[in-house]
Amino acid sequence: MLLQKFSALGCEKLVAANPAEPRDSSRLLVLDRKTGALEHRVFRDLTDYLKKGDCVVVNDTKVFPAKLNGKKATGGKFELLLVRQEDQPHRWSALCRECQEGLTVVFAGGVTAAAEGKNAAGEWIFVFSTPHVLALAERSGSMPLPHYIEKARRLSGQTAQNEGDKNRYQTVFARENGSIAAPTAGFHFTPELIGKLKAGGVIFAPVTLHVGWGTFRPVHKNGPEHHKMLPEYAQVSAETARTINAARKAGGRVIPVGTTCTRTLESFAAPDGAVESGGKWADIFIYPPYRFRAADAIITNFHIPSSTPLFMAAAFAGGENLYRAYEEAVRLQYRFYSYGDAMLLL
């Protein structure tokens, strides 16, 4: 089984506690899915692989400081991870531990939130005493770093969070507030690299997918066919759809940056690969033997064995190809997960 094979590799020993500096100095493992051949490069070498007319699709979602620390009536500490606004500005779905209906939490400035109950996705609904919940998060929230980054930092004697995360746990494409996790494949781009690629005739087109916790919810233990993907809001503008379709018609490749962009494109792609515009709640779960319609190559990171992004990468590259690539990456001590190194799947 795919999950078990990757779990045995020991990727968790190579978790990157901090990002590479500069961004485009991350290592890049290039995998040719037709031949299985591997090349070891640096991310800025992307200029050697992308050609004039190729269309790179990026996610312009922005991570907001969704982690709120408050106190219960008893004085005990309480952590809340905001997920999304519900039907009204003061009602939010959130993730937390040891909660019960009616629990009231006090946050900075005296703002309160009462637990109303759980929704169908298993998230708690909290009713805040203010409609300005995003403003509260911007003032006093912290970045929702993955737990494995915080753990890796503590093990190396660092603090779990630092000021640099506010900027570094964002891509250079970030524009639209709404994610509780970053589209991490975009971390490796710099303005300088983007400029070089554009000068070489590479086209960039933005889409939006607000990343929720569903992306990282472990795949069902009985296998991917039993897994239910939680919906995340995705949007493709008319201009982006025209750009992507024109690039393909002219012979260029469509290359999504990350699994969030790939899932967005596949959610909006017609059977012939043409991408439509619009907005929708995307709940597609891609796993082998999925047939891709819109993506010709994918830029991605190294993923957690039990995660949906790993299954998508396996569907695109082939499970055995991807396993050999991960095996090689572990042997050569590539840096793994959100702040880690990158892959180019051709």
C-alpha atoms as a PDB file:
ATOM      1  CA  MET A   1       0.000   0.000   0.000  1.00  0.00           C
ATOM      2  CA  LEU A   2       1.325   3.447  -0.994  1.00  0.00           C
ATOM      3  CA  LEU A   3       0.914   5.016   2.447  1.00  0.00           C
ATOM      4  CA  GLN A   4       2.809   2.233   4.214  1.00  0.00           C
ATOM      5  CA  LYS A   5       5.725   2.286   1.751  1.00  0.00           C
ATOM      6  CA  PHE A   6       6.349   6.008   2.138  1.00  0.00           C
ATOM      7  CA  SER A   7       5.863   5.901   5.912  1.00  0.00           C
ATOM      8  CA  ALA A   8       8.761   3.470   6.205  1.00  0.00           C
ATOM      9  CA  LEU A   9      11.236   5.872   4.561  1.00  0.00           C
ATOM     10  CA  GLY A  10      11.820   7.990   7.677  1.00  0.00           C
ATOM     11  CA  CYS A  11      11.012  11.341   6.054  1.00  0.00           C
ATOM     12  CA  GLU A  12      10.059  12.803   9.454  1.00  0.00           C
ATOM     13  CA  LYS A  13      13.747  12.838  10.424  1.00  0.00           C
ATOM     14  CA  LEU A  14      14.409  15.402   7.674  1.00  0.00           C
ATOM     15  CA  VAL A  15      11.742  18.001   8.520  1.00  0.00           C
ATOM     16  CA  ALA A  16      12.945  21.523   7.697  1.00  0.00           C
ATOM     17  CA  ALA A  17      12.583  23.717  10.789  1.00  0.00           C
ATOM     18  CA  ASN A  18      13.308  26.882   8.817  1.00  0.00           C
ATOM     19  CA  PRO A  19      13.146  27.921   5.148  1.00  0.00           C
ATOM     20  CA  ALA A  20      16.117  28.204   2.829  1.00  0.00           C
ATOM     21  CA  GLU A  21      17.544  31.683   2.323  1.00  0.00           C
ATOM     22  CA  PRO A  22      17.285  32.989  -0.262  1.00  0.00           C
ATOM     23  CA  ARG A  23      14.067  31.269  -1.260  1.00  0.00           C
ATOM     24  CA  ASP A  24      15.301  30.053  -4.635  1.00  0.00           C
ATOM     25  CA  SER A  25      18.371  28.345  -3.120  1.00  0.00           C
ATOM     26  CA  SER A  26      16.250  25.325  -2.130  1.00  0.00           C
ATOM     27  CA  ARG A  27      17.276  22.058  -3.728  1.00  0.00           C
ATOM     28  CA  LEU A  28      15.210  20.834  -6.667  1.00  0.00           C
ATOM     29  CA  LEU A  29      14.742  17.153  -7.478  1.00  0.00           C
ATOM     30  CA  VAL A  30      13.636  16.796 -11.104  1.00  0.00           C
ATOM     31  CA  LEU A  31      11.706  13.635 -11.992  1.00  0.00           C
ATOM     32  CA  ASP A  32      10.948  12.610 -15.564  1.00  0.00           C
ATOM     33  CA  ARG A  33       7.795  10.543 -15.136  1.00  0.00           C
ATOM     34  CA  LYS A  34       8.177   8.851 -18.524  1.00  0.00           C
ATOM     35  CA  THR A  35      11.682   7.493 -17.938  1.00  0.00           C
ATOM     36  CA  GLY A  36      11.950   7.662 -14.138  1.00  0.00           C
ATOM     37  CA  ALA A  37      15.214   9.616 -14.510  1.00  0.00           C
ATOM     38  CA  LEU A  38      16.224  11.925 -11.658  1.00  0.00           C
ATOM     39  CA  GLU A  39      18.290  15.110 -11.666  1.00  0.00           C
ATOM     40  CA  HIS A  40      19.534  17.047  -8.650  1.00  0.00           C
ATOM     41  CA  ARG A  41      19.466  20.807  -9.106  1.00  0.00           C
ATOM     42  CA  VAL A  42      18.779  24.077  -7.271  1.00  0.00           C
ATOM     43  CA  PHE A  43      15.370  25.739  -7.561  1.00  0.00           C
ATOM     44  CA  ARG A  44      16.674  28.745  -9.475  1.00  0.00           C
ATOM     45  CA  ASP A  45      17.700  26.247 -12.201  1.00  0.00           C
ATOM     46  CA  LEU A  46      14.014  26.151 -13.117  1.00  0.00           C
ATOM     47  CA  THR A  47      15.033  28.463 -15.958  1.00  0.00           C
ATOM     48  CA  ASP A  48      16.654  25.414 -17.614  1.00  0.00           C
ATOM     49  CA  TYR A  49      13.392  23.467 -17.674  1.00  0.00           C
ATOM     50  CA  LEU A  50      10.686  26.014 -18.477  1.00  0.00           C
ATOM     51  CA  LYS A  51      10.475  27.349 -22.010  1.00  0.00           C
ATOM     52  CA  LYS A  52       8.905  30.214 -23.873  1.00  0.00           C
ATOM     53  CA  GLY A  53       5.130  29.861 -23.961  1.00  0.00           C
ATOM     54  CA  ASP A  54       4.842  27.706 -20.841  1.00  0.00           C
ATOM     55  CA  CYS A  55       2.170  28.902 -18.405  1.00  0.00           C
ATOM     56  CA  VAL A  56       3.008  28.689 -14.694  1.00  0.00           C
ATOM     57  CA  VAL A  57      -0.140  28.738 -12.556  1.00  0.00           C
ATOM     58  CA  VAL A  58       0.256  30.106  -9.021  1.00  0.00           C
ATOM     59  CA  ASN A  59      -2.030  30.311  -6.001  1.00  0.00           C
ATOM     60  CA  ASP A  60      -2.468  33.903  -4.797  1.00  0.00           C
ATOM     61  CA  THR A  61      -4.120  32.976  -1.502  1.00  0.00           C
ATOM     62  CA  LYS A  62      -2.759  34.629   1.627  1.00  0.00           C
ATOM     63  CA  VAL A  63      -2.370  32.970   5.028  1.00  0.00           C
ATOM     64  CA  PHE A  64      -3.879  34.935   7.901  1.00  0.00           C
ATOM     65  CA  PRO A  65      -2.741  34.666  11.565  1.00  0.00           C
ATOM     66  CA  ALA A  66      -5.457  32.132  12.323  1.00  0.00           C
ATOM     67  CA  LYS A  67      -4.129  30.797  15.628  1.00  0.00           C
ATOM     68  CA  LEU A  68      -5.732  32.595  18.599  1.00  0.00           C
ATOM     69  CA  ASN A  69      -4.724  32.136  22.239  1.00  0.00           C
ATOM     70  CA  GLY A  70      -7.302  32.900  24.895  1.00  0.00           C
ATOM     71  CA  LYS A  71      -8.468  31.844  28.339  1.00  0.00           C
ATOM     72  CA  LYS A  72     -11.425  29.887  29.630  1.00  0.00           C
ATOM     73  CA  ALA A  73     -13.567  31.098  32.533  1.00  0.00           C
ATOM     74  CA  THR A  74     -11.480  28.865  34.794  1.00  0.00           C
ATOM     75  CA  GLY A  75      -8.345  30.754  33.754  1.00  0.00           C
ATOM     76  CA  GLY A  76      -6.957  27.864  31.758  1.00  0.00           C
ATOM     77  CA  LYS A  77      -5.272  28.512  28.415  1.00  0.00           C
ATOM     78  CA  PHE A  78      -7.241  27.787  25.259  1.00  0.00           C
ATOM     79  CA  GLU A  79      -5.985  27.703  21.656  1.00  0.00           C
ATOM     80  CA  LEU A  80      -8.315  28.163  18.715  1.00  0.00           C
ATOM     81  CA  LEU A  81      -7.452  27.708  15.048  1.00  0.00           C
ATOM     82  CA  LEU A  82      -9.865  29.681  12.886  1.00  0.00           C
ATOM     83  CA  VAL A  83     -10.891  27.883   9.694  1.00  0.00           C
ATOM     84  CA  ARG A  84     -13.421  30.085   7.879  1.00  0.00           C
ATOM     85  CA  GLN A  85     -16.210  32.594   8.361  1.00  0.00           C
ATOM     86  CA  GLU A  86     -19.636  30.984   8.311  1.00  0.00           C
ATOM     87  CA  ASP A  87     -22.958  32.621   7.358  1.00  0.00           C
ATOM     88  CA  GLN A  88     -22.348  35.762   9.449  1.00  0.00           C
ATOM     89  CA  PRO A  89     -19.181  37.792  10.216  1.00  0.00           C
ATOM     90  CA  HIS A  90     -19.214  36.855  13.915  1.00  0.00           C
ATOM     91  CA  ARG A  91     -19.716  33.101  13.365  1.00  0.00           C
ATOM     92  CA  TRP A  92     -16.587  31.086  12.539  1.00  0.00           C
ATOM     93  CA  SER A  93     -15.720  27.426  12.207  1.00  0.00           C
ATOM     94  CA  ALA A  94     -12.580  26.496  14.093  1.00  0.00           C
ATOM     95  CA  LEU A  95     -10.425  23.627  15.333  1.00  0.00           C
ATOM     96  CA  CYS A  96      -9.572  23.153  18.997  1.00  0.00           C
ATOM     97  CA  ARG A  97      -8.983  20.527  21.665  1.00  0.00           C
ATOM     98  CA  GLU A  98     -11.164  19.593  24.648  1.00  0.00           C
ATOM     99  CA  CYS A  99     -14.118  21.768  23.760  1.00  0.00           C
ATOM    100  CA  GLN A 100     -17.760  21.471  24.755  1.00  0.00           C
ATOM    101  CA  GLU A 101     -20.951  23.223  23.776  1.00  0.00           C
ATOM    102  CA  GLY A 102     -21.422  26.494  25.654  1.00  0.00           C
ATOM    103  CA  LEU A 103     -17.734  26.957  26.448  1.00  0.00           C
ATOM    104  CA  THR A 104     -16.787  30.651  26.404  1.00  0.00           C
ATOM    105  CA  VAL A 105     -13.265  31.826  25.650  1.00  0.00           C
ATOM    106  CA  VAL A 106     -11.885  35.325  26.276  1.00  0.00           C
ATOM    107  CA  PHE A 107      -9.343  36.748  23.828  1.00  0.00           C
ATOM    108  CA  ALA A 108      -7.287  39.948  23.623  1.00  0.00           C
ATOM    109  CA  GLY A 109      -9.204  43.158  24.226  1.00  0.00           C
ATOM    110  CA  GLY A 110     -12.026  41.343  26.010  1.00  0.00           C
ATOM    111  CA  VAL A 111     -13.418  39.730  22.853  1.00  0.00           C
ATOM    112  CA  THR A 112     -15.306  36.535  23.674  1.00  0.00           C
ATOM    113  CA  ALA A 113     -16.291  33.479  21.653  1.00  0.00           C
ATOM    114  CA  ALA A 114     -18.842  30.846  22.643  1.00  0.00           C
ATOM    115  CA  ALA A 115     -18.822  27.277  21.306  1.00  0.00           C
ATOM    116  CA  GLU A 116     -22.151  26.651  19.578  1.00  0.00           C
ATOM    117  CA  GLY A 117     -21.647  23.052  18.407  1.00  0.00           C
ATOM    118  CA  LYS A 118     -19.966  21.026  15.660  1.00  0.00           C
ATOM    119  CA  ASN A 119     -20.651  21.144  11.932  1.00  0.00           C
ATOM    120  CA  ALA A 120     -20.718  18.214   9.509  1.00  0.00           C
ATOM    121  CA  ALA A 121     -16.933  18.432   8.968  1.00  0.00           C
ATOM    122  CA  GLY A 122     -16.261  18.032  12.682  1.00  0.00           C
ATOM    123  CA  GLU A 123     -15.245  21.668  13.165  1.00  0.00           C
ATOM    124  CA  TRP A 124     -16.547  23.692  16.089  1.00  0.00           C
ATOM    125  CA  ILE A 125     -18.714  26.743  15.401  1.00  0.00           C
ATOM    126  CA  PHE A 126     -17.808  29.702  17.599  1.00  0.00           C
ATOM    127  CA  VAL A 127     -19.944  32.822  17.981  1.00  0.00           C
ATOM    128  CA  PHE A 128     -17.761  35.882  18.614  1.00  0.00           C
ATOM    129  CA  SER A 129     -18.794  39.044  20.420  1.00  0.00           C
ATOM    130  CA  THR A 130     -17.516  41.097  17.479  1.00  0.00           C
ATOM    131  CA  PRO A 131     -17.951  40.819  13.702  1.00  0.00           C
ATOM    132  CA  HIS A 132     -14.332  41.953  13.257  1.00  0.00           C
ATOM    133  CA  VAL A 133     -12.773  38.529  13.793  1.00  0.00           C
ATOM    134  CA  LEU A 134     -10.167  38.924  11.041  1.00  0.00           C
ATOM    135  CA  ALA A 135      -9.038  42.205  12.613  1.00  0.00           C
ATOM    136  CA  LEU A 136      -8.676  40.392  15.946  1.00  0.00           C
ATOM    137  CA  ALA A 137      -6.558  37.723  14.269  1.00  0.00           C
ATOM    138  CA  GLU A 138      -4.352  40.337  12.578  1.00  0.00           C
ATOM    139  CA  ARG A 139      -3.814  42.114  15.910  1.00  0.00           C
ATOM    140  CA  SER A 140      -3.198  39.208  18.223  1.00  0.00           C
ATOM    141  CA  GLY A 141      -3.152  35.953  16.275  1.00  0.00           C
ATOM    142  CA  SER A 142      -0.097  33.961  15.238  1.00  0.00           C
ATOM    143  CA  MET A 143       0.729  32.177  12.002  1.00  0.00           C
ATOM    144  CA  PRO A 144      -0.719  28.658  11.794  1.00  0.00           C
ATOM    145  CA  LEU A 145       2.572  26.847  11.290  1.00  0.00           C
ATOM    146  CA  PRO A 146       2.324  23.059  10.890  1.00  0.00           C
ATOM    147  CA  HIS A 147       2.961  21.229  14.152  1.00  0.00           C
ATOM    148  CA  TYR A 148       5.954  19.382  12.670  1.00  0.00           C
ATOM    149  CA  ILE A 149       7.802  22.677  12.108  1.00  0.00           C
ATOM    150  CA  GLU A 150       7.208  23.773  15.685  1.00  0.00           C
ATOM    151  CA  LYS A 151       8.292  20.343  16.940  1.00  0.00           C
ATOM    152  CA  ALA A 152      11.470  20.402  14.828  1.00  0.00           C
ATOM    153  CA  ARG A 153      12.323  23.824  16.209  1.00  0.00           C
ATOM    154  CA  ARG A 154      11.811  22.796  19.814  1.00  0.00           C
ATOM    155  CA  LEU A 155      13.993  19.733  19.292  1.00  0.00           C
ATOM    156  CA  SER A 156      16.784  21.991  18.014  1.00  0.00           C
ATOM    157  CA  GLY A 157      16.441  24.472  20.888  1.00  0.00           C
ATOM    158  CA  GLN A 158      14.540  27.147  18.938  1.00  0.00           C
ATOM    159  CA  THR A 159      11.268  28.835  19.800  1.00  0.00           C
ATOM    160  CA  ALA A 160       8.217  27.338  18.083  1.00  0.00           C
ATOM    161  CA  GLN A 161       7.417  30.601  16.275  1.00  0.00           C
ATOM    162  CA  ASN A 162       9.483  33.623  15.283  1.00  0.00           C
ATOM    163  CA  GLU A 163       8.786  37.036  13.796  1.00  0.00           C
ATOM    164  CA  GLY A 164      10.150  35.978  10.415  1.00  0.00           C
ATOM    165  CA  ASP A 165       7.277  33.532   9.926  1.00  0.00           C
ATOM    166  CA  LYS A 166       4.826  36.386   9.331  1.00  0.00           C
ATOM    167  CA  ASN A 167       6.546  37.076   6.023  1.00  0.00           C
ATOM    168  CA  ARG A 168       8.235  33.767   5.297  1.00  0.00           C
ATOM    169  CA  TYR A 169       5.133  31.604   5.741  1.00  0.00           C
ATOM    170  CA  GLN A 170       3.679  33.377   2.699  1.00  0.00           C
ATOM    171  CA  THR A 171       4.466  33.068  -0.979  1.00  0.00           C
ATOM    172  CA  VAL A 172       5.504  36.109  -3.000  1.00  0.00           C
ATOM    173  CA  PHE A 173       2.201  35.673  -4.858  1.00  0.00           C
ATOM    174  CA  ALA A 174      -0.001  36.064  -1.741  1.00  0.00           C
ATOM    175  CA  ARG A 175      -2.836  38.548  -2.292  1.00  0.00           C
ATOM    176  CA  GLU A 176      -6.194  37.133  -1.179  1.00  0.00           C
ATOM    177  CA  ASN A 177      -6.690  36.564   2.576  1.00  0.00           C
ATOM    178  CA  GLY A 178      -8.267  33.225   3.455  1.00  0.00           C
ATOM    179  CA  SER A 179      -5.866  30.321   4.052  1.00  0.00           C
ATOM    180  CA  ILE A 180      -4.870  28.600   7.276  1.00  0.00           C
ATOM    181  CA  ALA A 181      -1.951  26.883   5.538  1.00  0.00           C
ATOM    182  CA  ALA A 182       0.361  28.123   2.830  1.00  0.00           C
ATOM    183  CA  PRO A 183       0.562  26.722  -0.715  1.00  0.00           C
ATOM    184  CA  THR A 184       4.144  25.761   0.075  1.00  0.00           C
ATOM    185  CA  ALA A 185       5.435  24.956  -3.418  1.00  0.00           C
ATOM    186  CA  GLY A 186       5.264  28.697  -4.065  1.00  0.00           C
ATOM    187  CA  PHE A 187       7.735  29.422  -1.246  1.00  0.00           C
ATOM    188  CA  HIS A 188      10.728  28.882  -3.548  1.00  0.00           C
ATOM    189  CA  PHE A 189       9.977  31.716  -5.968  1.00  0.00           C
ATOM    190  CA  THR A 190      11.678  35.105  -5.706  1.00  0.00           C
ATOM    191  CA  PRO A 191      10.956  38.284  -7.659  1.00  0.00           C
ATOM    192  CA  GLU A 192      14.339  37.844  -9.365  1.00  0.00           C
ATOM    193  CA  LEU A 193      13.567  34.296 -10.519  1.00  0.00           C
ATOM    194  CA  ILE A 194      10.107  35.310 -11.683  1.00  0.00           C
ATOM    195  CA  GLY A 195      11.681  38.151 -13.654  1.00  0.00           C
ATOM    196  CA  LYS A 196      14.131  35.785 -15.364  1.00  0.00           C
ATOM    197  CA  LEU A 197      11.395  33.349 -16.271  1.00  0.00           C
ATOM    198  CA  LYS A 198       9.189  36.097 -17.676  1.00  0.00           C
ATOM    199  CA  ALA A 199      12.122  37.477 -19.648  1.00  0.00           C
ATOM    200  CA  GLY A 200      12.459  34.018 -21.194  1.00  0.00           C
ATOM    201  CA  GLY A 201       8.832  34.064 -22.311  1.00  0.00           C
ATOM    202  CA  VAL A 202       7.273  32.086 -19.451  1.00  0.00           C
ATOM    203  CA  ILE A 203       3.744  33.236 -18.588  1.00  0.00           C
ATOM    204  CA  PHE A 204       2.348  33.454 -15.047  1.00  0.00           C
ATOM    205  CA  ALA A 205      -1.359  33.135 -14.232  1.00  0.00           C
ATOM    206  CA  PRO A 206      -2.956  33.320 -10.745  1.00  0.00           C
ATOM    207  CA  VAL A 207      -5.772  31.214  -9.326  1.00  0.00           C
ATOM    208  CA  THR A 208      -7.096  31.199  -5.779  1.00  0.00           C
ATOM    209  CA  LEU A 209      -7.664  28.246  -3.491  1.00  0.00           C
ATOM    210  CA  HIS A 210      -8.041  28.998   0.215  1.00  0.00           C
ATOM    211  CA  VAL A 211      -6.294  26.152   1.955  1.00  0.00           C
ATOM    212  CA  GLY A 212      -8.159  24.611   4.878  1.00  0.00           C
ATOM    213  CA  TRP A 213      -7.335  21.702   7.125  1.00  0.00           C
ATOM    214  CA  GLY A 214      -8.909  19.232   4.687  1.00  0.00           C
ATOM    215  CA  THR A 215      -5.770  19.332   2.520  1.00  0.00           C
ATOM    216  CA  PHE A 216      -3.761  17.909   5.420  1.00  0.00           C
ATOM    217  CA  ARG A 217      -6.318  15.617   6.995  1.00  0.00           C
ATOM    218  CA  PRO A 218      -4.779  12.113   6.878  1.00  0.00           C
ATOM    219  CA  VAL A 219      -6.068   9.844   4.150  1.00  0.00           C
ATOM    220  CA  HIS A 220      -8.550   7.260   5.420  1.00  0.00           C
ATOM    221  CA  LYS A 221      -6.760   4.283   6.985  1.00  0.00           C
ATOM    222  CA  ASN A 222      -8.715   1.868   4.764  1.00  0.00           C
ATOM    223  CA  GLY A 223      -7.381   3.495   1.593  1.00  0.00           C
ATOM    224  CA  PRO A 224      -7.961   6.508  -0.666  1.00  0.00           C
ATOM    225  CA  GLU A 225     -11.229   5.199  -2.077  1.00  0.00           C
ATOM    226  CA  HIS A 226     -12.723   5.631   1.416  1.00  0.00           C
ATOM    227  CA  HIS A 227     -11.421   9.180   1.882  1.00  0.00           C
ATOM    228  CA  LYS A 228     -13.695  12.232   1.764  1.00  0.00           C
ATOM    229  CA  MET A 229     -12.015  15.504   0.807  1.00  0.00           C
ATOM    230  CA  LEU A 230     -13.311  18.503   2.736  1.00  0.00           C
ATOM    231  CA  PRO A 231     -14.270  21.337   0.342  1.00  0.00           C
ATOM    232  CA  GLU A 232     -12.070  24.425  -0.034  1.00  0.00           C
ATOM    233  CA  TYR A 233     -13.091  27.542  -1.946  1.00  0.00           C
ATOM    234  CA  ALA A 234     -11.408  27.934  -5.337  1.00  0.00           C
ATOM    235  CA  GLN A 235     -11.672  30.618  -7.987  1.00  0.00           C
ATOM    236  CA  VAL A 236     -10.392  31.077 -11.539  1.00  0.00           C
ATOM    237  CA  SER A 237     -10.812  34.473 -13.173  1.00  0.00           C
ATOM    238  CA  ALA A 238     -11.891  34.859 -16.781  1.00  0.00           C
ATOM    239  CA  GLU A 239      -8.513  36.408 -17.593  1.00  0.00           C
ATOM    240  CA  THR A 240      -6.610  33.481 -16.076  1.00  0.00           C
ATOM    241  CA  ALA A 241      -8.772  30.962 -17.953  1.00  0.00           C
ATOM    242  CA  ARG A 242      -8.087  32.792 -21.227  1.00  0.00           C
ATOM    243  CA  THR A 243      -4.339  32.920 -20.495  1.00  0.00           C
ATOM    244  CA  ILE A 244      -4.090  29.206 -19.695  1.00  0.00           C
ATOM    245  CA  ASN A 245      -6.178  28.116 -22.669  1.00  0.00           C
ATOM    246  CA  ALA A 246      -4.283  30.379 -25.080  1.00  0.00           C
ATOM    247  CA  ALA A 247      -0.936  29.029 -23.823  1.00  0.00           C
ATOM    248  CA  ARG A 248      -2.024  25.431 -24.367  1.00  0.00           C
ATOM    249  CA  LYS A 249      -3.438  26.208 -27.809  1.00  0.00           C
ATOM    250  CA  ALA A 250      -0.099  27.778 -28.775  1.00  0.00           C
ATOM    251  CA  GLY A 251       1.805  24.652 -27.707  1.00  0.00           C
ATOM    252  CA  GLY A 252       2.914  25.723 -24.242  1.00  0.00           C
ATOM    253  CA  ARG A 253       2.724  23.533 -21.169  1.00  0.00           C
ATOM    254  CA  VAL A 254       0.448  24.303 -18.219  1.00  0.00           C
ATOM    255  CA  ILE A 255       2.496  23.952 -15.018  1.00  0.00           C
ATOM    256  CA  PRO A 256       0.683  24.415 -11.701  1.00  0.00           C
ATOM    257  CA  VAL A 257       2.775  25.362  -8.677  1.00  0.00           C
ATOM    258  CA  GLY A 258       1.726  22.961  -5.951  1.00  0.00           C
ATOM    259  CA  THR A 259      -1.104  20.571  -5.325  1.00  0.00           C
ATOM    260  CA  THR A 260      -3.539  23.401  -4.506  1.00  0.00           C
ATOM    261  CA  CYS A 261      -3.153  24.880  -7.996  1.00  0.00           C
ATOM    262  CA  THR A 262      -3.318  21.426  -9.549  1.00  0.00           C
ATOM    263  CA  ARG A 263      -6.550  20.642  -7.716  1.00  0.00           C
ATOM    264  CA  THR A 264      -7.982  24.002  -8.752  1.00  0.00           C
ATOM    265  CA  LEU A 265      -7.182  23.451 -12.421  1.00  0.00           C
ATOM    266  CA  GLU A 266      -8.550  19.920 -12.396  1.00  0.00           C
ATOM    267  CA  SER A 267     -11.726  21.183 -10.700  1.00  0.00           C
ATOM    268  CA  PHE A 268     -12.308  23.704 -13.506  1.00  0.00           C
ATOM    269  CA  ALA A 269     -11.043  21.646 -16.465  1.00  0.00           C
ATOM    270  CA  ALA A 270     -13.297  20.321 -19.195  1.00  0.00           C
ATOM    271  CA  PRO A 271     -12.659  16.811 -20.607  1.00  0.00           C
ATOM    272  CA  ASP A 272     -10.498  18.320 -23.370  1.00  0.00           C
ATOM    273  CA  GLY A 273      -8.314  20.162 -20.816  1.00  0.00           C
ATOM    274  CA  ALA A 274      -9.778  23.620 -21.406  1.00  0.00           C
ATOM    275  CA  VAL A 275     -10.049  25.556 -18.150  1.00  0.00           C
ATOM    276  CA  GLU A 276     -13.288  27.343 -17.320  1.00  0.00           C
ATOM    277  CA  SER A 277     -13.626  30.413 -15.110  1.00  0.00           C
ATOM    278  CA  GLY A 278     -15.736  30.762 -11.975  1.00  0.00           C
ATOM    279  CA  GLY A 279     -15.784  30.013  -8.271  1.00  0.00           C
ATOM    280  CA  LYS A 280     -16.741  26.821  -6.447  1.00  0.00           C
ATOM    281  CA  TRP A 281     -16.131  24.704  -3.369  1.00  0.00           C
ATOM    282  CA  ALA A 282     -13.545  22.216  -4.619  1.00  0.00           C
ATOM    283  CA  ASP A 283     -13.735  18.764  -3.045  1.00  0.00           C
ATOM    284  CA  ILE A 284     -11.926  16.682  -5.650  1.00  0.00           C
ATOM    285  CA  PHE A 285      -9.496  14.122  -4.189  1.00  0.00           C
ATOM    286  CA  ILE A 286      -6.869  13.058  -6.713  1.00  0.00           C
ATOM    287  CA  TYR A 287      -5.179   9.690  -6.290  1.00  0.00           C
ATOM    288  CA  PRO A 288      -3.946   6.901  -8.610  1.00  0.00           C
ATOM    289  CA  PRO A 289      -5.033   6.115 -11.300  1.00  0.00           C
ATOM    290  CA  TYR A 290      -6.473   9.590 -11.904  1.00  0.00           C
ATOM    291  CA  ARG A 291      -6.184  10.926 -15.473  1.00  0.00           C
ATOM    292  CA  PHE A 292      -5.056  14.562 -15.451  1.00  0.00           C
ATOM    293  CA  ARG A 293      -6.767  16.946 -17.847  1.00  0.00           C
ATOM    294  CA  ALA A 294      -5.119  20.339 -17.274  1.00  0.00           C
ATOM    295  CA  ALA A 295      -1.637  19.811 -15.768  1.00  0.00           C
ATOM    296  CA  ASP A 296       1.340  19.017 -18.027  1.00  0.00           C
ATOM    297  CA  ALA A 297       4.000  19.244 -15.294  1.00  0.00           C
ATOM    298  CA  ILE A 298       3.861  20.041 -11.583  1.00  0.00           C
ATOM    299  CA  ILE A 299       6.124  21.928  -9.189  1.00  0.00           C
ATOM    300  CA  THR A 300       5.658  20.559  -5.686  1.00  0.00           C
ATOM    301  CA  ASN A 301       7.286  19.929  -2.305  1.00  0.00           C
ATOM    302  CA  PHE A 302       8.018  16.698  -0.418  1.00  0.00           C
ATOM    303  CA  HIS A 303       4.846  15.606   1.363  1.00  0.00           C
ATOM    304  CA  ILE A 304       3.791  13.810   4.522  1.00  0.00           C
ATOM    305  CA  PRO A 305       3.215  10.081   3.789  1.00  0.00           C
ATOM    306  CA  SER A 306      -0.420  10.026   4.949  1.00  0.00           C
ATOM    307  CA  SER A 307      -1.457  13.242   3.197  1.00  0.00           C
ATOM    308  CA  THR A 308      -3.661  13.947   0.188  1.00  0.00           C
ATOM    309  CA  PRO A 309      -0.886  15.916  -1.619  1.00  0.00           C
ATOM    310  CA  LEU A 310       1.323  12.808  -1.662  1.00  0.00           C
ATOM    311  CA  PHE A 311      -1.441  10.768  -3.310  1.00  0.00           C
ATOM    312  CA  MET A 312      -1.867  13.484  -5.946  1.00  0.00           C
ATOM    313  CA  ALA A 313       1.869  13.527  -6.668  1.00  0.00           C
ATOM    314  CA  ALA A 314       1.809   9.726  -6.992  1.00  0.00           C
ATOM    315  CA  ALA A 315      -1.120   9.942  -9.405  1.00  0.00           C
ATOM    316  CA  PHE A 316       0.839  12.335 -11.622  1.00  0.00           C
ATOM    317  CA  ALA A 317       4.345  10.845 -11.433  1.00  0.00           C
ATOM    318  CA  GLY A 318       3.460   7.192 -10.880  1.00  0.00           C
ATOM    319  CA  GLY A 319       3.689   5.602  -7.445  1.00  0.00           C
ATOM    320  CA  GLU A 320       6.891   3.653  -8.071  1.00  0.00           C
ATOM    321  CA  ASN A 321       8.617   6.622  -9.739  1.00  0.00           C
ATOM    322  CA  LEU A 322       7.718   8.859  -6.824  1.00  0.00           C
ATOM    323  CA  TYR A 323       8.783   6.283  -4.244  1.00  0.00           C
ATOM    324  CA  ARG A 324      12.229   5.957  -5.855  1.00  0.00           C
ATOM    325  CA  ALA A 325      12.536   9.747  -5.912  1.00  0.00           C
ATOM    326  CA  TYR A 326      11.674   9.994  -2.217  1.00  0.00           C
ATOM    327  CA  GLU A 327      14.067   7.158  -1.441  1.00  0.00           C
ATOM    328  CA  GLU A 328      16.839   9.078  -3.195  1.00  0.00           C
ATOM    329  CA  ALA A 329      15.841  12.325  -1.460  1.00  0.00           C
ATOM    330  CA  VAL A 330      16.068  10.652   1.950  1.00  0.00           C
ATOM    331  CA  ARG A 331      19.450   9.148   1.075  1.00  0.00           C
ATOM    332  CA  LEU A 332      20.795  12.560   0.036  1.00  0.00           C
ATOM    333  CA  GLN A 333      19.120  14.298   2.994  1.00  0.00           C
ATOM    334  CA  TYR A 334      16.832  16.673   1.156  1.00  0.00           C
ATOM    335  CA  ARG A 335      14.790  18.888   3.468  1.00  0.00           C
ATOM    336  CA  PHE A 336      11.175  17.789   3.822  1.00  0.00           C
ATOM    337  CA  TYR A 337       7.677  19.248   4.128  1.00  0.00           C
ATOM    338  CA  SER A 338       6.473  22.883   4.195  1.00  0.00           C
ATOM    339  CA  TYR A 339       9.802  24.699   4.638  1.00  0.00           C
ATOM    340  CA  GLY A 340      11.717  22.005   2.771  1.00  0.00           C
ATOM    341  CA  ASP A 341      13.011  21.463  -0.757  1.00  0.00           C
ATOM    342  CA  ALA A 342      11.112  21.113  -4.031  1.00  0.00           C
ATOM    343  CA  MET A 343      10.367  18.706  -6.852  1.00  0.00           C
ATOM    344  CA  LEU A 344       9.667  19.273 -10.529  1.00  0.00           C
ATOM    345  CA  LEU A 345       7.544  16.484 -12.004  1.00  0.00           C
ATOM    346  CA  LEU A 346       7.887  16.460 -15.796  1.00  0.00           C
END
